[in-house]
Amino acid sequence: MGTPYGGVKEQGAGIYAQNMAERGFVAIAFDESFNGESSGEPRHVSSPDIFVEDFSAGVDFLGTRPFVDRNRIGAIGICGSGGFSITAAQVDPRIKAVATASMYDISSMIRDGFGKTMTDEQRAQTLVQLGEHDGKTLRMVLQKCLWVSQVNPLIQFQKD
């Protein structure tokens, strides 16, 4: 159960997970890497690639529980994590079902700007500015995000 973008598991994701558990499902809510109780530096970084991997890490964990049917694991993403859950299902065949609530495509917003207003020049300038700081992780994340959005055939993006 992925959180709303910028949220933590104690908010929407925890409420959804509790509701699912009350209906008989095994459910976990997690904080995405660098956020909430998850570890990692720098704190409060947004990484679509890593957030997608967080869903697979959840599947890793669930698969170790003896009461979980590994052939019936699904993912639910709320708001921003809706896009991350769909991408996780595209690349992780262990995720058999996916659902979203109020999905928002954060990857597109980071890559193209809000309302697709970022130009290629602005995107390049953002990478240059990041390179001037000691934010190795953040720089790697944004460069990888840009790279994935341009060449990964599993992820389909619509460009106006």
N, C-alpha and C. Protein backbone atom coordinates (compact mmCIF):
# COMPACT_ATOMS: atom_id res chain seq x y z
N MET A 1 0.86 -1.16 0.00
CA MET A 1 0.00 0.00 0.00
C MET A 1 0.90 1.23 0.00
N GLY A 2 0.95 1.94 -1.10
CA GLY A 2 1.80 3.13 -1.21
C GLY A 2 1.08 4.38 -0.76
N THR A 3 1.83 5.29 -0.20
CA THR A 3 1.27 6.52 0.37
C THR A 3 0.95 7.56 -0.70
N PRO A 4 0.12 8.53 -0.35
CA PRO A 4 -0.02 9.69 -1.23
C PRO A 4 1.34 10.39 -1.34
N TYR A 5 1.57 11.05 -2.45
CA TYR A 5 2.84 11.73 -2.65
C TYR A 5 3.07 12.72 -1.51
N GLY A 6 4.21 12.60 -0.85
CA GLY A 6 4.54 13.48 0.26
C GLY A 6 3.92 13.04 1.57
N GLY A 7 3.15 11.97 1.56
CA GLY A 7 2.51 11.49 2.77
C GLY A 7 3.34 10.42 3.46
N VAL A 8 2.83 9.96 4.59
CA VAL A 8 3.48 8.87 5.33
C VAL A 8 2.46 7.78 5.58
N LYS A 9 2.95 6.61 5.93
CA LYS A 9 2.08 5.44 6.05
C LYS A 9 0.98 5.59 7.09
N GLU A 10 1.18 6.43 8.08
CA GLU A 10 0.17 6.62 9.11
C GLU A 10 -1.04 7.40 8.59
N GLN A 11 -0.92 7.98 7.42
CA GLN A 11 -2.03 8.73 6.84
C GLN A 11 -2.87 7.80 5.98
N GLY A 12 -3.15 8.14 4.77
CA GLY A 12 -4.04 7.38 3.92
C GLY A 12 -3.69 5.92 3.74
N ALA A 13 -2.44 5.60 3.52
CA ALA A 13 -2.06 4.22 3.25
C ALA A 13 -2.36 3.31 4.43
N GLY A 14 -2.09 3.79 5.63
CA GLY A 14 -2.38 2.99 6.82
C GLY A 14 -3.87 2.75 7.00
N ILE A 15 -4.66 3.76 6.69
CA ILE A 15 -6.12 3.62 6.79
C ILE A 15 -6.62 2.60 5.77
N TYR A 16 -6.12 2.69 4.53
CA TYR A 16 -6.50 1.71 3.51
C TYR A 16 -6.06 0.31 3.93
N ALA A 17 -4.82 0.17 4.41
CA ALA A 17 -4.31 -1.15 4.81
C ALA A 17 -5.14 -1.74 5.94
N GLN A 18 -5.50 -0.91 6.91
CA GLN A 18 -6.33 -1.38 8.03
C GLN A 18 -7.68 -1.87 7.51
N ASN A 19 -8.27 -1.11 6.60
CA ASN A 19 -9.56 -1.50 6.03
C ASN A 19 -9.45 -2.82 5.28
N MET A 20 -8.38 -2.97 4.50
CA MET A 20 -8.17 -4.23 3.76
C MET A 20 -7.99 -5.40 4.73
N ALA A 21 -7.23 -5.19 5.80
CA ALA A 21 -7.01 -6.25 6.79
C ALA A 21 -8.34 -6.65 7.44
N GLU A 22 -9.17 -5.68 7.73
CA GLU A 22 -10.48 -5.98 8.32
C GLU A 22 -11.36 -6.79 7.38
N ARG A 23 -11.06 -6.73 6.09
CA ARG A 23 -11.82 -7.50 5.09
C ARG A 23 -11.17 -8.85 4.79
N GLY A 24 -10.09 -9.18 5.54
CA GLY A 24 -9.48 -10.50 5.40
C GLY A 24 -8.22 -10.55 4.56
N PHE A 25 -7.74 -9.42 4.07
CA PHE A 25 -6.52 -9.39 3.28
C PHE A 25 -5.30 -9.17 4.18
N VAL A 26 -4.17 -9.70 3.76
CA VAL A 26 -2.90 -9.34 4.39
C VAL A 26 -2.49 -8.03 3.75
N ALA A 27 -2.24 -7.01 4.53
CA ALA A 27 -1.93 -5.69 3.97
C ALA A 27 -0.82 -5.01 4.76
N ILE A 28 0.06 -4.35 4.04
CA ILE A 28 1.08 -3.54 4.69
C ILE A 28 1.07 -2.15 4.05
N ALA A 29 1.35 -1.17 4.86
CA ALA A 29 1.56 0.19 4.37
C ALA A 29 3.00 0.53 4.68
N PHE A 30 3.66 1.23 3.77
CA PHE A 30 5.08 1.53 3.98
C PHE A 30 5.37 2.98 3.63
N ASP A 31 6.41 3.49 4.24
CA ASP A 31 6.94 4.80 3.87
C ASP A 31 7.95 4.59 2.75
N GLU A 32 7.83 5.37 1.68
CA GLU A 32 8.78 5.27 0.59
C GLU A 32 10.17 5.67 1.07
N SER A 33 11.19 5.18 0.40
CA SER A 33 12.57 5.49 0.76
C SER A 33 12.77 6.99 0.94
N PHE A 34 13.56 7.36 1.92
CA PHE A 34 13.94 8.74 2.23
C PHE A 34 12.82 9.51 2.93
N ASN A 35 11.67 8.90 3.19
CA ASN A 35 10.52 9.60 3.75
C ASN A 35 9.99 8.87 4.96
N GLY A 36 9.32 9.60 5.85
CA GLY A 36 8.71 8.99 7.03
C GLY A 36 9.74 8.23 7.85
N GLU A 37 9.38 6.98 8.21
CA GLU A 37 10.29 6.17 9.01
C GLU A 37 11.28 5.38 8.18
N SER A 38 11.20 5.45 6.84
CA SER A 38 12.19 4.78 6.01
C SER A 38 13.52 5.50 6.13
N SER A 39 14.58 4.75 5.93
CA SER A 39 15.91 5.34 6.05
C SER A 39 16.36 5.90 4.71
N GLY A 40 17.55 6.43 4.69
CA GLY A 40 18.14 6.95 3.47
C GLY A 40 18.38 8.44 3.54
N GLU A 41 19.43 8.84 2.89
CA GLU A 41 19.81 10.25 2.81
C GLU A 41 19.95 10.61 1.33
N PRO A 42 19.64 11.83 0.97
CA PRO A 42 19.08 12.90 1.80
C PRO A 42 17.62 12.64 2.09
N ARG A 43 17.12 13.22 3.12
CA ARG A 43 15.74 13.03 3.54
C ARG A 43 14.78 13.77 2.60
N HIS A 44 13.57 13.27 2.51
CA HIS A 44 12.47 13.90 1.77
C HIS A 44 12.78 14.10 0.29
N VAL A 45 13.49 13.13 -0.29
CA VAL A 45 13.80 13.17 -1.72
C VAL A 45 12.72 12.39 -2.46
N SER A 46 12.35 12.87 -3.61
CA SER A 46 11.39 12.18 -4.45
C SER A 46 12.13 11.45 -5.55
N SER A 47 11.98 10.15 -5.61
CA SER A 47 12.61 9.35 -6.65
C SER A 47 11.62 8.35 -7.21
N PRO A 48 11.02 8.63 -8.34
CA PRO A 48 10.08 7.67 -8.92
C PRO A 48 10.68 6.28 -9.09
N ASP A 49 11.92 6.18 -9.54
CA ASP A 49 12.55 4.87 -9.73
C ASP A 49 12.66 4.11 -8.42
N ILE A 50 13.14 4.78 -7.39
CA ILE A 50 13.30 4.12 -6.10
C ILE A 50 11.96 3.82 -5.47
N PHE A 51 10.98 4.70 -5.64
CA PHE A 51 9.65 4.45 -5.08
C PHE A 51 9.02 3.22 -5.74
N VAL A 52 9.27 3.01 -7.03
CA VAL A 52 8.79 1.81 -7.70
C VAL A 52 9.46 0.58 -7.08
N GLU A 53 10.77 0.68 -6.84
CA GLU A 53 11.49 -0.44 -6.21
C GLU A 53 10.96 -0.72 -4.81
N ASP A 54 10.46 0.30 -4.12
CA ASP A 54 9.90 0.10 -2.79
C ASP A 54 8.71 -0.86 -2.84
N PHE A 55 7.91 -0.80 -3.88
CA PHE A 55 6.80 -1.75 -4.01
C PHE A 55 7.34 -3.17 -4.13
N SER A 56 8.40 -3.36 -4.91
CA SER A 56 9.00 -4.69 -5.03
C SER A 56 9.60 -5.15 -3.71
N ALA A 57 10.15 -4.22 -2.93
CA ALA A 57 10.67 -4.58 -1.61
C ALA A 57 9.53 -5.06 -0.71
N GLY A 58 8.37 -4.42 -0.83
CA GLY A 58 7.20 -4.88 -0.09
C GLY A 58 6.80 -6.29 -0.48
N VAL A 59 6.88 -6.59 -1.78
CA VAL A 59 6.57 -7.93 -2.26
C VAL A 59 7.62 -8.91 -1.71
N ASP A 60 8.88 -8.49 -1.69
CA ASP A 60 9.93 -9.34 -1.11
C ASP A 60 9.55 -9.73 0.32
N PHE A 61 9.18 -8.72 1.12
CA PHE A 61 8.82 -8.97 2.51
C PHE A 61 7.59 -9.87 2.63
N LEU A 62 6.53 -9.53 1.92
CA LEU A 62 5.31 -10.34 2.00
C LEU A 62 5.58 -11.79 1.61
N GLY A 63 6.46 -11.99 0.64
CA GLY A 63 6.77 -13.35 0.19
C GLY A 63 7.45 -14.20 1.24
N THR A 64 8.00 -13.58 2.27
CA THR A 64 8.65 -14.34 3.34
C THR A 64 7.66 -14.76 4.43
N ARG A 65 6.44 -14.24 4.39
CA ARG A 65 5.45 -14.58 5.41
C ARG A 65 4.77 -15.89 5.05
N PRO A 66 4.75 -16.87 5.93
CA PRO A 66 4.19 -18.18 5.61
C PRO A 66 2.68 -18.15 5.34
N PHE A 67 1.98 -17.13 5.78
CA PHE A 67 0.53 -17.05 5.60
C PHE A 67 0.14 -16.28 4.34
N VAL A 68 1.12 -15.90 3.51
CA VAL A 68 0.85 -15.15 2.29
C VAL A 68 0.98 -16.08 1.08
N ASP A 69 -0.03 -16.08 0.23
CA ASP A 69 0.02 -16.81 -1.04
C ASP A 69 0.80 -15.95 -2.03
N ARG A 70 2.01 -16.35 -2.36
CA ARG A 70 2.89 -15.55 -3.21
C ARG A 70 2.34 -15.36 -4.62
N ASN A 71 1.35 -16.15 -5.01
CA ASN A 71 0.76 -16.02 -6.33
C ASN A 71 -0.45 -15.10 -6.34
N ARG A 72 -0.72 -14.44 -5.21
CA ARG A 72 -1.89 -13.57 -5.12
C ARG A 72 -1.54 -12.24 -4.46
N ILE A 73 -0.37 -11.70 -4.80
CA ILE A 73 0.07 -10.42 -4.22
C ILE A 73 -0.27 -9.30 -5.19
N GLY A 74 -0.86 -8.26 -4.65
CA GLY A 74 -1.20 -7.09 -5.45
C GLY A 74 -0.63 -5.83 -4.83
N ALA A 75 -0.79 -4.72 -5.52
CA ALA A 75 -0.30 -3.43 -5.03
C ALA A 75 -1.41 -2.41 -5.17
N ILE A 76 -1.51 -1.53 -4.18
CA ILE A 76 -2.44 -0.41 -4.24
C ILE A 76 -1.63 0.86 -4.04
N GLY A 77 -1.81 1.80 -4.93
CA GLY A 77 -1.13 3.09 -4.81
C GLY A 77 -2.15 4.20 -4.69
N ILE A 78 -1.91 5.09 -3.73
CA ILE A 78 -2.80 6.22 -3.51
C ILE A 78 -2.13 7.48 -4.04
N CYS A 79 -2.86 8.25 -4.81
CA CYS A 79 -2.37 9.52 -5.36
C CYS A 79 -1.08 9.28 -6.13
N GLY A 80 0.02 9.93 -5.73
CA GLY A 80 1.28 9.82 -6.46
C GLY A 80 1.80 8.39 -6.54
N SER A 81 1.59 7.60 -5.50
CA SER A 81 2.10 6.23 -5.56
C SER A 81 1.24 5.35 -6.47
N GLY A 82 0.11 5.89 -6.95
CA GLY A 82 -0.67 5.16 -7.94
C GLY A 82 0.15 4.90 -9.19
N GLY A 83 0.86 5.92 -9.66
CA GLY A 83 1.74 5.74 -10.82
C GLY A 83 2.88 4.80 -10.52
N PHE A 84 3.43 4.89 -9.30
CA PHE A 84 4.54 4.01 -8.92
C PHE A 84 4.07 2.55 -8.86
N SER A 85 2.85 2.32 -8.37
CA SER A 85 2.34 0.95 -8.27
C SER A 85 2.12 0.34 -9.65
N ILE A 86 1.62 1.15 -10.59
CA ILE A 86 1.42 0.65 -11.95
C ILE A 86 2.76 0.29 -12.59
N THR A 87 3.74 1.16 -12.44
CA THR A 87 5.06 0.88 -13.00
C THR A 87 5.67 -0.35 -12.34
N ALA A 88 5.50 -0.49 -11.03
CA ALA A 88 6.02 -1.67 -10.34
C ALA A 88 5.40 -2.94 -10.92
N ALA A 89 4.10 -2.91 -11.17
CA ALA A 89 3.43 -4.08 -11.75
C ALA A 89 3.92 -4.37 -13.16
N GLN A 90 4.35 -3.33 -13.89
CA GLN A 90 4.88 -3.54 -15.24
C GLN A 90 6.21 -4.28 -15.20
N VAL A 91 7.02 -4.02 -14.19
CA VAL A 91 8.38 -4.57 -14.17
C VAL A 91 8.56 -5.71 -13.19
N ASP A 92 7.62 -5.95 -12.30
CA ASP A 92 7.74 -7.02 -11.30
C ASP A 92 6.60 -8.01 -11.51
N PRO A 93 6.88 -9.16 -12.14
CA PRO A 93 5.81 -10.11 -12.45
C PRO A 93 5.18 -10.76 -11.22
N ARG A 94 5.77 -10.57 -10.06
CA ARG A 94 5.17 -11.12 -8.83
C ARG A 94 3.94 -10.34 -8.41
N ILE A 95 3.79 -9.12 -8.90
CA ILE A 95 2.61 -8.31 -8.59
C ILE A 95 1.52 -8.71 -9.58
N LYS A 96 0.50 -9.38 -9.06
CA LYS A 96 -0.54 -9.97 -9.90
C LYS A 96 -1.73 -9.06 -10.15
N ALA A 97 -1.89 -8.04 -9.33
CA ALA A 97 -3.01 -7.11 -9.48
C ALA A 97 -2.55 -5.74 -8.99
N VAL A 98 -3.14 -4.70 -9.55
CA VAL A 98 -2.81 -3.34 -9.12
C VAL A 98 -4.08 -2.50 -9.12
N ALA A 99 -4.18 -1.63 -8.13
CA ALA A 99 -5.30 -0.71 -8.05
C ALA A 99 -4.75 0.65 -7.62
N THR A 100 -5.42 1.69 -8.07
CA THR A 100 -5.00 3.03 -7.68
C THR A 100 -6.21 3.82 -7.18
N ALA A 101 -5.93 4.81 -6.36
CA ALA A 101 -6.96 5.73 -5.89
C ALA A 101 -6.44 7.13 -6.13
N SER A 102 -7.15 7.91 -6.92
CA SER A 102 -6.74 9.29 -7.23
C SER A 102 -5.32 9.34 -7.77
N MET A 103 -5.03 8.48 -8.74
CA MET A 103 -3.67 8.39 -9.28
C MET A 103 -3.20 9.72 -9.88
N TYR A 104 -1.94 10.03 -9.62
CA TYR A 104 -1.30 11.22 -10.17
C TYR A 104 0.06 10.79 -10.69
N ASP A 105 0.41 11.16 -11.91
CA ASP A 105 1.66 10.73 -12.53
C ASP A 105 2.80 11.65 -12.12
N ILE A 106 3.43 11.35 -10.99
CA ILE A 106 4.54 12.15 -10.46
C ILE A 106 5.73 12.13 -11.42
N SER A 107 5.98 10.98 -12.03
CA SER A 107 7.13 10.88 -12.95
C SER A 107 7.01 11.90 -14.07
N SER A 108 5.82 12.02 -14.64
CA SER A 108 5.60 13.00 -15.70
C SER A 108 5.78 14.42 -15.18
N MET A 109 5.27 14.68 -13.98
CA MET A 109 5.39 16.03 -13.43
C MET A 109 6.86 16.40 -13.20
N ILE A 110 7.65 15.45 -12.69
CA ILE A 110 9.06 15.74 -12.44
C ILE A 110 9.80 15.94 -13.77
N ARG A 111 9.48 15.08 -14.74
CA ARG A 111 10.17 15.14 -16.02
C ARG A 111 9.74 16.35 -16.86
N ASP A 112 8.42 16.64 -16.86
CA ASP A 112 7.90 17.65 -17.78
C ASP A 112 7.46 18.95 -17.11
N GLY A 113 7.47 18.98 -15.76
CA GLY A 113 6.98 20.15 -15.05
C GLY A 113 5.47 20.08 -14.90
N PHE A 114 4.94 20.82 -13.94
CA PHE A 114 3.50 20.82 -13.70
C PHE A 114 2.79 21.32 -14.95
N GLY A 115 1.82 20.55 -15.42
CA GLY A 115 1.09 20.92 -16.62
C GLY A 115 1.95 20.85 -17.88
N LYS A 116 3.02 20.06 -17.84
CA LYS A 116 3.94 19.87 -18.97
C LYS A 116 4.51 21.20 -19.45
N THR A 117 4.96 22.01 -18.50
CA THR A 117 5.47 23.34 -18.83
C THR A 117 6.99 23.41 -18.89
N MET A 118 7.72 22.36 -18.48
CA MET A 118 9.18 22.41 -18.46
C MET A 118 9.74 22.14 -19.86
N THR A 119 10.63 23.01 -20.30
CA THR A 119 11.28 22.82 -21.60
C THR A 119 12.52 21.95 -21.42
N ASP A 120 13.06 21.45 -22.52
CA ASP A 120 14.30 20.67 -22.46
C ASP A 120 15.43 21.51 -21.87
N GLU A 121 15.45 22.79 -22.19
CA GLU A 121 16.49 23.68 -21.65
C GLU A 121 16.36 23.83 -20.14
N GLN A 122 15.13 23.97 -19.65
CA GLN A 122 14.91 24.08 -18.20
C GLN A 122 15.31 22.79 -17.49
N ARG A 123 14.99 21.66 -18.08
CA ARG A 123 15.35 20.37 -17.50
C ARG A 123 16.87 20.25 -17.43
N ALA A 124 17.55 20.62 -18.48
CA ALA A 124 19.02 20.57 -18.50
C ALA A 124 19.60 21.51 -17.45
N GLN A 125 19.01 22.70 -17.31
CA GLN A 125 19.48 23.66 -16.31
C GLN A 125 19.29 23.12 -14.89
N THR A 126 18.20 22.42 -14.66
CA THR A 126 17.97 21.81 -13.35
C THR A 126 19.08 20.81 -13.03
N LEU A 127 19.47 20.00 -14.00
CA LEU A 127 20.55 19.04 -13.79
C LEU A 127 21.88 19.74 -13.53
N VAL A 128 22.12 20.84 -14.22
CA VAL A 128 23.35 21.62 -13.98
C VAL A 128 23.36 22.17 -12.56
N GLN A 129 22.24 22.73 -12.12
CA GLN A 129 22.15 23.27 -10.76
C GLN A 129 22.35 22.19 -9.71
N LEU A 130 21.80 21.02 -9.94
CA LEU A 130 22.00 19.93 -9.01
C LEU A 130 23.47 19.53 -8.95
N GLY A 131 24.14 19.58 -10.09
CA GLY A 131 25.56 19.23 -10.14
C GLY A 131 26.44 20.18 -9.35
N GLU A 132 25.95 21.37 -9.07
CA GLU A 132 26.73 22.34 -8.32
C GLU A 132 26.66 22.10 -6.82
N HIS A 133 25.81 21.19 -6.38
CA HIS A 133 25.65 20.90 -4.96
C HIS A 133 26.24 19.54 -4.64
N ASP A 134 26.39 19.25 -3.37
CA ASP A 134 26.91 17.96 -2.95
C ASP A 134 25.75 16.98 -2.73
N GLY A 135 24.80 16.98 -3.63
CA GLY A 135 23.65 16.09 -3.51
C GLY A 135 23.78 14.94 -4.49
N LYS A 136 24.77 14.08 -4.29
CA LYS A 136 25.01 12.98 -5.21
C LYS A 136 23.76 12.14 -5.45
N THR A 137 23.07 11.79 -4.40
CA THR A 137 21.90 10.94 -4.56
C THR A 137 20.81 11.63 -5.36
N LEU A 138 20.54 12.88 -5.02
CA LEU A 138 19.49 13.62 -5.73
C LEU A 138 19.85 13.77 -7.20
N ARG A 139 21.10 14.08 -7.50
CA ARG A 139 21.55 14.24 -8.88
C ARG A 139 21.36 12.92 -9.63
N MET A 140 21.78 11.81 -9.01
CA MET A 140 21.63 10.51 -9.64
C MET A 140 20.17 10.18 -9.90
N VAL A 141 19.32 10.49 -8.93
CA VAL A 141 17.90 10.20 -9.05
C VAL A 141 17.30 10.95 -10.23
N LEU A 142 17.53 12.25 -10.31
CA LEU A 142 16.94 13.03 -11.40
C LEU A 142 17.52 12.63 -12.76
N GLN A 143 18.81 12.34 -12.82
CA GLN A 143 19.39 11.91 -14.09
C GLN A 143 18.81 10.57 -14.51
N LYS A 144 18.68 9.66 -13.55
CA LYS A 144 18.11 8.35 -13.87
C LYS A 144 16.66 8.49 -14.28
N CYS A 145 15.91 9.35 -13.59
CA CYS A 145 14.51 9.58 -13.94
C CYS A 145 14.40 10.08 -15.37
N LEU A 146 15.24 11.03 -15.73
CA LEU A 146 15.25 11.56 -17.09
C LEU A 146 15.60 10.46 -18.08
N TRP A 147 16.61 9.64 -17.75
CA TRP A 147 17.04 8.57 -18.64
C TRP A 147 15.92 7.54 -18.83
N VAL A 148 15.31 7.11 -17.74
CA VAL A 148 14.25 6.11 -17.83
C VAL A 148 13.09 6.64 -18.66
N SER A 149 12.74 7.90 -18.46
CA SER A 149 11.60 8.43 -19.18
C SER A 149 11.85 8.48 -20.68
N GLN A 150 13.11 8.53 -21.09
CA GLN A 150 13.41 8.64 -22.51
C GLN A 150 13.63 7.30 -23.19
N VAL A 151 14.13 6.27 -22.45
CA VAL A 151 14.52 5.06 -23.15
C VAL A 151 13.88 3.76 -22.66
N ASN A 152 13.21 3.73 -21.54
CA ASN A 152 12.67 2.48 -21.04
C ASN A 152 11.42 2.11 -21.83
N PRO A 153 11.47 1.01 -22.58
CA PRO A 153 10.32 0.64 -23.41
C PRO A 153 9.12 0.13 -22.61
N LEU A 154 9.32 -0.23 -21.33
CA LEU A 154 8.21 -0.72 -20.53
C LEU A 154 7.34 0.41 -20.02
N ILE A 155 7.88 1.61 -20.01
CA ILE A 155 7.14 2.74 -19.48
C ILE A 155 6.73 3.63 -20.64
N GLN A 156 5.45 3.81 -20.82
CA GLN A 156 4.94 4.59 -21.93
C GLN A 156 4.59 6.00 -21.46
N PHE A 157 5.13 6.99 -22.11
CA PHE A 157 4.82 8.38 -21.77
C PHE A 157 4.25 9.07 -22.99
N GLN A 158 3.29 9.91 -22.76
CA GLN A 158 2.71 10.68 -23.85
C GLN A 158 3.29 12.08 -23.79
N LYS A 159 3.87 12.53 -24.88
CA LYS A 159 4.49 13.84 -24.96
C LYS A 159 3.68 14.66 -25.93
N ASP A 160 3.22 15.83 -25.50
CA ASP A 160 2.45 16.72 -26.39
C ASP A 160 3.36 17.34 -27.45
